[in-house]
Amino acid sequence: MSDEPIRITRGQGGEVDVEGPVDGFAASVLKRAGFDTYPTLRGVWIRLPFDLGRTWENEHATWAAEMLAAARYRVDLDPDLRAVTPAASTPSAPPRTKTAMTAQSAPAGTPRRQRR
């Protein structure tokens, strides 16, 4: 890993960009957080999609910074991109219900397999 930090900033046009030493693993973390990668003549351009709202951009930029920091990357997150609350920084999956995690018995009349 490089001593140079990965920088997540909001540009003058309002776009959220990533600059710095992004290797394959860091790129996969950024992709998981919602960033898109575009090839250019000088390398790649990594940014969040446009027009999804500042709140969404802040949540995903903060989430990306937290994941990269957890993977021991040095990260500089623009203060303008910090999510309002820590709970909002991690987009979560829908909660699982208890019934989805319990074993179901076989329907009546279904023969059971015998052990050998």
Protein backbone atom coordinates (compact mmCIF):
# COMPACT_ATOMS: atom_id res chain seq x y z
CA MET A 1 0.00 0.00 0.00
CA SER A 2 1.06 3.54 -0.68
CA ASP A 3 1.72 6.26 1.88
CA GLU A 4 -0.43 8.58 -0.21
CA PRO A 5 -4.08 8.56 0.92
CA ILE A 6 -7.09 7.78 -1.23
CA ARG A 7 -9.01 11.06 -1.49
CA ILE A 8 -12.81 11.19 -1.80
CA THR A 9 -13.84 14.74 -2.69
CA ARG A 10 -16.72 16.75 -4.08
CA GLY A 11 -15.61 18.64 -7.18
CA GLN A 12 -16.60 22.16 -8.21
CA GLY A 13 -19.34 20.75 -10.46
CA GLY A 14 -20.83 18.79 -7.54
CA GLU A 15 -19.49 15.39 -8.63
CA VAL A 16 -17.96 13.02 -6.05
CA ASP A 17 -14.57 11.74 -7.27
CA VAL A 18 -11.89 9.41 -5.96
CA GLU A 19 -8.22 10.16 -6.51
CA GLY A 20 -5.03 8.53 -5.32
CA PRO A 21 -3.53 5.06 -5.25
CA VAL A 22 -6.51 2.78 -5.90
CA ASP A 23 -5.51 -0.86 -6.34
CA GLY A 24 -7.80 -3.74 -7.33
CA PHE A 25 -9.12 -4.37 -3.82
CA ALA A 26 -9.80 -0.70 -3.14
CA ALA A 27 -11.60 -0.50 -6.50
CA SER A 28 -13.83 -3.41 -5.50
CA VAL A 29 -14.64 -1.72 -2.17
CA LEU A 30 -15.53 1.50 -3.98
CA LYS A 31 -17.70 -0.42 -6.45
CA ARG A 32 -19.53 -2.04 -3.51
CA ALA A 33 -20.19 1.45 -2.14
CA GLY A 34 -21.76 2.56 -5.44
CA PHE A 35 -18.86 4.19 -7.27
CA ASP A 36 -18.51 3.79 -11.04
CA THR A 37 -15.20 3.34 -12.85
CA TYR A 38 -14.57 4.86 -16.28
CA PRO A 39 -11.40 4.23 -18.31
CA THR A 40 -9.55 7.33 -19.51
CA LEU A 41 -6.33 7.95 -21.42
CA ARG A 42 -4.46 8.56 -18.13
CA GLY A 43 -5.92 5.65 -16.14
CA VAL A 44 -9.37 5.43 -14.60
CA TRP A 45 -11.90 7.93 -13.34
CA ILE A 46 -13.81 6.77 -10.26
CA ARG A 47 -16.93 8.68 -9.22
CA LEU A 48 -20.44 8.35 -7.84
CA PRO A 49 -23.35 8.59 -10.29
CA PHE A 50 -24.81 12.08 -10.80
CA ASP A 51 -28.23 13.34 -9.68
CA LEU A 52 -28.94 10.94 -6.82
CA GLY A 53 -28.99 13.68 -4.19
CA ARG A 54 -26.45 15.03 -1.75
CA THR A 55 -27.73 12.85 1.09
CA TRP A 56 -27.26 9.66 -0.96
CA GLU A 57 -23.82 10.82 -2.13
CA ASN A 58 -22.75 11.67 1.43
CA GLU A 59 -23.95 8.31 2.78
CA HIS A 60 -22.14 6.32 0.11
CA ALA A 61 -18.94 8.39 0.25
CA THR A 62 -18.84 7.99 4.05
CA TRP A 63 -19.56 4.27 3.75
CA ALA A 64 -16.74 3.87 1.21
CA ALA A 65 -14.32 5.77 3.46
CA GLU A 66 -15.27 3.61 6.45
CA MET A 67 -14.80 0.38 4.48
CA LEU A 68 -11.45 1.51 3.08
CA ALA A 69 -10.27 2.59 6.54
CA ALA A 70 -11.35 -0.79 7.95
CA ALA A 71 -9.18 -2.42 5.27
CA ARG A 72 -6.27 -0.26 6.54
CA TYR A 73 -6.11 2.17 3.63
CA ARG A 74 -5.31 5.80 4.37
CA VAL A 75 -8.39 7.79 3.39
CA ASP A 76 -9.07 11.53 3.21
CA LEU A 77 -12.82 12.19 3.08
CA ASP A 78 -13.93 15.70 2.20
CA PRO A 79 -15.71 17.11 5.30
CA ASP A 80 -18.57 18.17 3.01
CA LEU A 81 -19.21 14.46 2.28
CA ARG A 82 -19.62 13.19 5.83
CA ALA A 83 -23.01 11.60 6.47
CA VAL A 84 -25.21 13.41 9.00
CA THR A 85 -25.56 10.47 11.40
CA PRO A 86 -23.33 7.42 11.88
CA ALA A 87 -26.33 5.11 11.48
CA ALA A 88 -26.98 6.57 8.03
CA SER A 89 -23.44 5.83 6.88
CA THR A 90 -24.04 2.12 6.26
CA PRO A 91 -26.84 1.30 3.87
CA SER A 92 -28.31 -1.90 5.21
CA ALA A 93 -30.14 -4.86 3.77
CA PRO A 94 -33.76 -5.44 4.78
CA PRO A 95 -34.02 -7.20 8.15
CA ARG A 96 -34.51 -10.95 8.13
CA THR A 97 -37.60 -12.36 9.70
CA LYS A 98 -37.47 -15.15 12.23
CA THR A 99 -39.48 -17.49 10.01
CA ALA A 100 -36.94 -17.16 7.22
CA MET A 101 -34.24 -18.58 9.47
CA THR A 102 -36.05 -21.59 10.98
CA ALA A 103 -36.15 -25.08 9.57
CA GLN A 104 -39.45 -26.20 8.09
CA SER A 105 -40.87 -29.68 8.63
CA ALA A 106 -41.69 -31.84 5.62
CA PRO A 107 -45.26 -31.68 4.33
CA ALA A 108 -47.60 -34.40 5.62
CA GLY A 109 -47.50 -37.59 3.60
CA THR A 110 -43.91 -37.11 2.42
CA PRO A 111 -41.86 -40.25 3.04
CA ARG A 112 -38.70 -39.73 5.07
CA ARG A 113 -35.39 -41.08 3.86
CA GLN A 114 -33.90 -43.75 6.06
CA ARG A 115 -30.31 -43.59 7.27
CA ARG A 116 -27.89 -46.28 6.19
